Amino acid sequence: MTNRVLILGGSGRIGSKVAADLLAHTQASVTIAGRNLTKGEQKSDDLGSRVQFVTIDLADQKALEAAIAQTDVVVHCAGPFHYRDAEVLKLCIQQGADYVDVSDHPSFTRKVLDYRAEAQAAGVTAVINTGIFPGISNSMVRRGVEQLDDAEKVHLSYVVSGSGGAGITVMRTTFLGLQRPFKAWINGEWRSVKPYSDREVIEFPAPYGKVGVYWFDMPEAFTLPDTFPVKTVITKFATVPTFYNYLTWSVARWWHPSWLRNSAVIEFLSHVSHFMTDVSDRFSGIGVAIRSEVTGTKDGQPMRCCSTLIHTDTAIAAGYGTGTVVELLLSGQLKKPGVWAIEQALPTDLFEQVMQSRGIKIQHQLMR
């Protein structure tokens, strides 16, 4: 029997990369879903004969339920997730379909984690926060923690070149992340942190080199301390070219918070930024760099485990991060009923196996 995968938001930049990954690494029949018929049919034609498109608005519960009822795994790529509820996951639990998403906002993560008991009772495996960051980055942290006897601190830094190839959605996500202070786990307690504050210069692999990164609200900021007994988790982000960071910093620092809670303002900022990156992408590229550093002890000695990854296309890398999880679910290698952040669900041996199959090279260094 052919496995069936439904990708919500499948005609978008990230969703279509997930579809491409599944076509390359599984025999699944893939349905991509979205609201734009013309765009969706063109994307399905581009992807090939194993892909079909269906028009679905997430607000149309009956159409969504009917589509999920015919599916083995549902992949939720319809962001930004700041605005989403847990309805897709609820329908998956009702229909017995496994669930994967590329969610990247803490508010949504908390909503879906509330359904862990229901998913466990239904035998449904739901893996959230997959993609590149969060996603592959979380599994890099898990590997680092496992290299130490005791882990005390996690420092995650991300850099994206221009748009990252992810379209306007990533612009919306960035500006929505500036709306209000957030809680960070620092020295064993939750502290309020201002978004895009506390610039810190981090050394990334070539071609990035030294880049100033800033606090950013990410779901791994609370899923990692929930998963591992660490005292501090730092999540910082930046874009290149560097002048984009100064623009984002000025918005976070000087614009009145009420402006950033206005959807029209967010759309204006997103479209202006997207226009700018259409130009700068031509010389900056659309790649991504991740640096994970886990600090702790090994054999009674202070030790750090540093892992780095670079890829020339952020959207493709995100497709790998999500596609690998779906592949493992379809093959039966990953089965853990409940709702889990990626680092809670994916064992390191499987993570390394699927990364190798995609040609993803992660550099590791254990040092004092």
Protein backbone atom coordinates (compact mmCIF):
# COMPACT_ATOMS: atom_id res chain seq x y z
CA MET A 1 0.00 0.00 0.00
CA THR A 2 1.33 3.44 -0.93
CA ASN A 3 1.82 5.84 1.96
CA ARG A 4 -0.07 9.10 1.67
CA VAL A 5 1.26 12.44 2.86
CA LEU A 6 -0.70 15.68 3.01
CA ILE A 7 1.33 18.91 3.17
CA LEU A 8 -0.69 21.93 4.30
CA GLY A 9 0.90 25.04 2.85
CA GLY A 10 2.53 22.69 0.37
CA SER A 11 2.68 25.18 -2.48
CA GLY A 12 4.76 27.61 -0.40
CA ARG A 13 8.54 27.82 -0.29
CA ILE A 14 9.06 25.50 2.69
CA GLY A 15 6.17 23.15 1.97
CA SER A 16 7.31 22.52 -1.60
CA LYS A 17 10.85 21.75 -0.37
CA VAL A 18 9.41 19.17 2.04
CA ALA A 19 7.49 17.65 -0.88
CA ALA A 20 10.65 17.52 -3.00
CA ASP A 21 12.53 15.77 -0.20
CA LEU A 22 9.81 13.14 0.21
CA LEU A 23 9.73 12.48 -3.53
CA ALA A 24 13.49 11.90 -3.48
CA HIS A 25 13.63 9.67 -0.41
CA THR A 26 10.28 7.86 -0.14
CA GLN A 27 7.71 6.21 -2.39
CA ALA A 28 4.87 8.18 -0.81
CA SER A 29 2.01 9.75 -2.72
CA VAL A 30 2.14 13.47 -1.88
CA THR A 31 -0.77 15.91 -1.81
CA ILE A 32 0.05 19.58 -1.44
CA ALA A 33 -2.72 21.84 -0.18
CA GLY A 34 -3.21 25.58 -0.26
CA ARG A 35 -5.70 28.34 -1.06
CA ASN A 36 -4.31 29.49 -4.42
CA LEU A 37 -5.42 27.10 -7.17
CA THR A 38 -3.22 28.54 -9.92
CA LYS A 39 -0.09 28.57 -7.78
CA GLY A 40 -0.81 25.13 -6.37
CA GLU A 41 -1.40 23.44 -9.72
CA GLN A 42 1.76 25.01 -11.13
CA LYS A 43 3.76 23.78 -8.15
CA SER A 44 2.36 20.26 -8.43
CA ASP A 45 3.24 20.20 -12.14
CA ASP A 46 6.78 21.28 -11.27
CA LEU A 47 7.13 18.54 -8.67
CA GLY A 48 5.92 15.74 -10.93
CA SER A 49 3.29 13.06 -11.39
CA ARG A 50 3.41 11.72 -7.80
CA VAL A 51 2.10 15.05 -6.52
CA GLN A 52 -1.43 16.38 -6.64
CA PHE A 53 -2.85 19.68 -5.45
CA VAL A 54 -6.05 20.26 -3.50
CA THR A 55 -7.54 23.62 -2.57
CA ILE A 56 -8.02 23.80 1.20
CA ASP A 57 -8.57 26.76 3.47
CA LEU A 58 -7.66 25.88 7.05
CA ALA A 59 -10.84 27.63 8.15
CA ASP A 60 -12.88 25.03 6.21
CA GLN A 61 -12.96 22.29 8.84
CA LYS A 62 -15.02 19.84 6.76
CA ALA A 63 -12.65 19.97 3.79
CA LEU A 64 -9.66 19.70 6.10
CA GLU A 65 -11.14 16.75 7.95
CA ALA A 66 -11.93 14.94 4.69
CA ALA A 67 -8.38 15.40 3.43
CA ILE A 68 -6.80 14.23 6.69
CA ALA A 69 -9.04 11.14 6.74
CA GLN A 70 -7.29 9.92 3.57
CA THR A 71 -3.77 10.55 4.87
CA ASP A 72 -1.11 8.66 6.82
CA VAL A 73 1.00 11.69 7.78
CA VAL A 74 -0.01 15.35 7.80
CA VAL A 75 2.72 18.00 7.52
CA HIS A 76 1.69 21.47 8.69
CA CYS A 77 3.69 24.13 6.83
CA ALA A 78 1.03 26.84 6.74
CA GLY A 79 2.67 29.61 8.76
CA PRO A 80 3.15 32.10 10.27
CA PHE A 81 2.29 30.00 13.33
CA HIS A 82 1.71 33.01 15.58
CA TYR A 83 -1.87 33.01 14.28
CA ARG A 84 -2.55 29.26 14.26
CA ASP A 85 -4.49 27.10 16.69
CA ALA A 86 -4.21 23.35 17.29
CA GLU A 87 -7.15 22.40 15.03
CA VAL A 88 -5.03 20.50 12.49
CA LEU A 89 -3.46 18.39 15.24
CA LYS A 90 -6.88 17.76 16.82
CA LEU A 91 -8.23 16.45 13.52
CA CYS A 92 -5.16 14.25 13.07
CA ILE A 93 -5.76 12.73 16.49
CA GLN A 94 -9.40 12.11 15.63
CA GLN A 95 -8.51 10.51 12.29
CA GLY A 96 -5.48 8.55 13.52
CA ALA A 97 -2.98 10.32 11.24
CA ASP A 98 0.55 11.09 12.38
CA TYR A 99 1.47 14.78 12.46
CA VAL A 100 4.59 16.84 11.74
CA ASP A 101 4.95 20.61 11.63
CA VAL A 102 7.50 23.33 10.91
CA SER A 103 6.20 25.59 13.67
CA ASP A 104 8.61 28.19 14.97
CA HIS A 105 6.70 30.23 17.53
CA PRO A 106 6.43 29.43 21.26
CA SER A 107 2.73 30.32 21.50
CA PHE A 108 1.81 27.67 18.95
CA THR A 109 4.17 25.11 20.47
CA ARG A 110 2.46 25.48 23.84
CA LYS A 111 -0.97 25.03 22.24
CA VAL A 112 -0.12 21.72 20.56
CA LEU A 113 1.83 20.32 23.53
CA ASP A 114 -1.41 20.46 25.50
CA TYR A 115 -2.67 17.53 23.35
CA ARG A 116 0.07 15.07 24.35
CA ALA A 117 -2.26 12.83 26.38
CA GLU A 118 -4.90 12.75 23.62
CA ALA A 119 -2.31 11.83 20.99
CA GLN A 120 -0.87 9.09 23.20
CA ALA A 121 -4.32 7.61 23.75
CA ALA A 122 -4.99 7.62 20.00
CA GLY A 123 -1.59 6.12 19.13
CA VAL A 124 -0.71 9.20 17.08
CA THR A 125 2.89 10.41 16.86
CA ALA A 126 3.11 14.19 16.55
CA VAL A 127 6.56 15.73 16.09
CA ILE A 128 6.69 19.52 16.22
CA ASN A 129 9.30 22.23 15.55
CA THR A 130 10.93 20.32 12.70
CA GLY A 131 12.77 22.07 9.86
CA ILE A 132 16.13 23.80 10.15
CA PHE A 133 15.79 26.04 13.24
CA PRO A 134 14.04 24.91 15.22
CA GLY A 135 14.53 21.38 13.91
CA ILE A 136 17.97 20.18 12.88
CA SER A 137 19.40 22.66 15.41
CA ASN A 138 17.58 20.94 18.30
CA SER A 139 18.97 17.56 17.31
CA MET A 140 22.45 19.08 17.21
CA VAL A 141 21.92 20.14 20.82
CA ARG A 142 20.72 16.66 21.79
CA ARG A 143 23.87 15.12 20.36
CA GLY A 144 25.98 17.65 22.26
CA VAL A 145 24.23 16.94 25.54
CA GLU A 146 24.80 13.22 25.06
CA GLN A 147 28.54 13.77 24.62
CA LEU A 148 28.83 15.16 28.16
CA ASP A 149 28.30 13.62 31.58
CA ASP A 150 26.49 16.76 32.79
CA ALA A 151 25.22 19.59 30.57
CA GLU A 152 24.71 23.01 32.11
CA LYS A 153 24.33 25.53 29.31
CA VAL A 154 23.10 25.58 25.70
CA HIS A 155 23.96 28.43 23.34
CA LEU A 156 22.26 28.34 19.93
CA SER A 157 23.08 30.91 17.25
CA TYR A 158 21.55 31.18 13.79
CA VAL A 159 22.43 33.26 10.73
CA VAL A 160 20.34 33.46 7.55
CA SER A 161 21.51 35.06 4.33
CA GLY A 162 18.89 37.49 3.04
CA SER A 163 15.48 35.85 2.69
CA GLY A 164 16.86 32.34 3.12
CA GLY A 165 14.80 31.42 0.08
CA ALA A 166 11.79 31.11 2.35
CA GLY A 167 9.69 33.94 0.92
CA ILE A 168 7.72 36.60 2.71
CA THR A 169 6.60 34.31 5.55
CA VAL A 170 10.03 34.48 7.16
CA MET A 171 9.80 38.29 7.11
CA ARG A 172 6.47 38.17 8.92
CA THR A 173 7.90 35.74 11.46
CA THR A 174 10.84 38.03 12.17
CA PHE A 175 8.77 41.14 12.80
CA LEU A 176 6.09 39.27 14.75
CA GLY A 177 8.91 38.08 17.01
CA LEU A 178 9.62 41.70 18.00
CA GLN A 179 6.19 42.38 19.48
CA ARG A 180 6.95 41.85 23.17
CA PRO A 181 9.59 40.67 25.66
CA PHE A 182 9.80 36.93 26.22
CA LYS A 183 10.96 34.53 28.93
CA ALA A 184 14.41 32.92 28.73
CA TRP A 185 15.86 30.21 30.98
CA ILE A 186 18.98 31.77 32.50
CA ASN A 187 20.88 30.42 35.52
CA GLY A 188 17.99 28.21 36.57
CA GLU A 189 15.22 30.80 36.43
CA TRP A 190 12.93 32.42 33.89
CA ARG A 191 13.94 35.98 33.06
CA SER A 192 12.35 38.56 30.79
CA VAL A 193 14.41 39.37 27.70
CA LYS A 194 13.87 42.05 25.07
CA PRO A 195 13.85 40.72 21.49
CA TYR A 196 16.82 41.67 19.33
CA SER A 197 18.86 42.80 22.33
CA ASP A 198 22.28 41.91 23.81
CA ARG A 199 24.31 41.67 20.61
CA GLU A 200 27.01 39.01 20.79
CA VAL A 201 29.68 38.31 18.17
CA ILE A 202 29.87 34.62 17.24
CA GLU A 203 32.38 32.87 14.98
CA PHE A 204 30.61 30.83 12.31
CA PRO A 205 32.20 28.63 9.65
CA ALA A 206 33.18 30.21 6.33
CA PRO A 207 31.85 32.04 4.45
CA TYR A 208 30.09 33.73 7.40
CA GLY A 209 32.92 34.32 9.87
CA LYS A 210 32.20 36.66 12.81
CA VAL A 211 28.55 37.78 12.98
CA GLY A 212 26.71 39.74 15.65
CA VAL A 213 23.63 37.81 16.84
CA TYR A 214 20.69 38.97 18.97
CA TRP A 215 18.17 37.44 21.35
CA PHE A 216 15.15 36.03 19.53
CA ASP A 217 12.05 34.29 20.84
CA MET A 218 12.12 30.64 19.72
CA PRO A 219 10.26 27.55 21.02
CA GLU A 220 13.53 25.73 21.76
CA ALA A 221 14.11 28.37 24.44
CA PHE A 222 11.65 26.40 26.61
CA THR A 223 11.52 22.92 25.01
CA LEU A 224 15.26 22.38 25.52
CA PRO A 225 15.21 23.06 29.29
CA ASP A 226 12.09 20.90 29.47
CA THR A 227 14.01 18.09 27.76
CA PHE A 228 17.45 18.40 29.36
CA PRO A 229 18.47 19.40 32.92
CA VAL A 230 20.38 22.50 31.84
CA LYS A 231 20.52 25.80 33.72
CA THR A 232 20.70 28.17 30.74
CA VAL A 233 19.41 28.18 27.16
CA ILE A 234 20.34 31.08 24.87
CA THR A 235 18.78 31.47 21.41
CA LYS A 236 20.16 34.21 19.17
CA PHE A 237 19.62 35.13 15.54
CA ALA A 238 20.95 37.41 12.82
CA THR A 239 20.77 38.01 9.10
CA VAL A 240 23.38 38.99 6.56
CA PRO A 241 24.07 41.48 5.07
CA THR A 242 24.61 43.07 8.50
CA PHE A 243 22.65 46.24 7.82
CA TYR A 244 19.41 44.22 8.06
CA ASN A 245 20.21 43.59 11.73
CA TYR A 246 20.55 47.30 12.40
CA LEU A 247 17.19 47.92 10.75
CA THR A 248 15.54 45.15 12.77
CA TRP A 249 17.24 46.35 15.97
CA SER A 250 15.96 49.90 15.40
CA VAL A 251 12.40 48.63 14.90
CA ALA A 252 12.61 46.56 18.09
CA ARG A 253 14.19 49.39 20.05
CA TRP A 254 12.45 52.54 18.86
CA TRP A 255 9.05 51.62 17.44
CA HIS A 256 6.13 51.75 19.85
CA PRO A 257 5.00 48.21 20.81
CA SER A 258 1.43 48.94 19.69
CA TRP A 259 2.66 49.52 16.14
CA LEU A 260 4.17 46.04 16.01
CA ARG A 261 0.88 44.55 17.14
CA ASN A 262 -0.87 46.12 14.16
CA SER A 263 -1.20 43.59 11.33
CA ALA A 264 -1.03 46.31 8.69
CA VAL A 265 2.33 47.47 10.06
CA ILE A 266 3.66 43.90 10.07
CA GLU A 267 2.57 43.46 6.45
CA PHE A 268 4.18 46.74 5.45
CA LEU A 269 7.50 45.85 7.10
CA SER A 270 7.39 42.34 5.65
CA HIS A 271 6.79 43.48 2.08
CA VAL A 272 9.44 46.19 2.26
CA SER A 273 11.97 43.68 3.63
CA HIS A 274 11.02 41.12 1.00
CA PHE A 275 11.57 43.67 -1.73
CA MET A 276 14.98 44.51 -0.29
CA THR A 277 16.08 40.88 -0.03
CA ASP A 278 14.99 40.25 -3.62
CA VAL A 279 17.87 42.55 -4.47
CA SER A 280 20.41 41.53 -1.82
CA ASP A 281 19.85 37.77 -2.29
CA ARG A 282 21.67 38.08 -5.59
CA PHE A 283 24.98 38.73 -3.85
CA SER A 284 24.41 37.46 -0.28
CA GLY A 285 22.89 34.12 -1.24
CA ILE A 286 20.09 32.43 0.71
CA GLY A 287 22.09 30.13 2.96
CA VAL A 288 22.02 29.35 6.66
CA ALA A 289 24.55 28.73 9.43
CA ILE A 290 23.90 27.13 12.82
CA ARG A 291 26.20 26.98 15.80
CA SER A 292 25.28 24.88 18.83
CA GLU A 293 27.49 24.95 21.92
CA VAL A 294 26.71 22.79 24.94
CA THR A 295 28.79 23.49 28.05
CA GLY A 296 29.17 21.09 30.97
CA THR A 297 31.51 18.44 32.34
CA LYS A 298 32.97 15.14 31.18
CA ASP A 299 35.07 12.84 33.36
CA GLY A 300 35.01 15.53 36.02
CA GLN A 301 36.51 18.18 33.74
CA PRO A 302 34.85 21.30 32.22
CA MET A 303 34.04 20.60 28.58
CA ARG A 304 32.28 22.17 25.61
CA CYS A 305 30.71 20.38 22.65
CA CYS A 306 30.46 22.69 19.65
CA SER A 307 28.53 21.70 16.50
CA THR A 308 28.22 23.74 13.32
CA LEU A 309 26.28 23.40 10.09
CA ILE A 310 26.11 25.48 6.94
CA HIS A 311 23.93 25.07 3.87
CA THR A 312 23.59 27.20 0.77
CA ASP A 313 19.77 27.21 0.78
CA THR A 314 17.82 27.69 4.02
CA ALA A 315 14.52 26.49 2.55
CA ILE A 316 16.04 23.27 1.17
CA ALA A 317 17.71 22.58 4.52
CA ALA A 318 14.34 23.09 6.25
CA GLY A 319 12.81 20.63 3.77
CA TYR A 320 15.45 18.08 4.77
CA GLY A 321 14.77 18.59 8.47
CA THR A 322 11.05 17.95 8.07
CA GLY A 323 11.24 15.39 5.27
CA THR A 324 13.54 13.15 7.28
CA VAL A 325 11.05 12.99 10.16
CA VAL A 326 8.22 12.09 7.79
CA GLU A 327 10.39 9.43 6.15
CA LEU A 328 11.11 7.84 9.54
CA LEU A 329 7.42 7.87 10.46
CA LEU A 330 6.45 6.24 7.16
CA SER A 331 9.12 3.55 7.52
CA GLY A 332 8.10 2.76 11.09
CA GLN A 333 11.56 3.62 12.44
CA LEU A 334 10.09 6.48 14.47
CA LYS A 335 7.02 5.79 16.54
CA LYS A 336 6.38 7.63 19.79
CA PRO A 337 2.69 8.36 20.46
CA GLY A 338 2.16 11.79 21.92
CA VAL A 339 3.19 15.34 21.03
CA TRP A 340 6.93 15.95 21.15
CA ALA A 341 9.43 18.63 20.26
CA ILE A 342 11.89 17.22 17.74
CA GLU A 343 14.71 16.77 20.28
CA GLN A 344 12.36 14.70 22.45
CA ALA A 345 11.30 12.37 19.63
CA LEU A 346 14.29 11.79 17.36
CA PRO A 347 17.17 9.61 18.67
CA THR A 348 20.65 10.76 17.74
CA ASP A 349 21.51 7.61 15.78
CA LEU A 350 18.50 8.11 13.49
CA PHE A 351 19.24 11.82 13.19
CA GLU A 352 22.79 11.15 12.04
CA GLN A 353 21.58 8.46 9.64
CA VAL A 354 19.08 10.70 7.85
CA MET A 355 21.42 13.70 7.77
CA GLN A 356 24.05 11.55 6.08
CA SER A 357 21.50 10.36 3.53
CA ARG A 358 20.87 14.03 2.57
CA GLY A 359 24.55 14.90 2.39
CA ILE A 360 24.29 17.24 5.38
CA LYS A 361 27.67 17.59 7.08
CA ILE A 362 27.69 18.70 10.71
CA GLN A 363 31.06 19.49 12.22
CA HIS A 364 31.58 18.51 15.86
CA GLN A 365 34.31 19.53 18.27
CA LEU A 366 34.75 18.50 21.90
CA MET A 367 37.03 20.88 23.77
CA ARG A 368 37.89 22.27 27.19
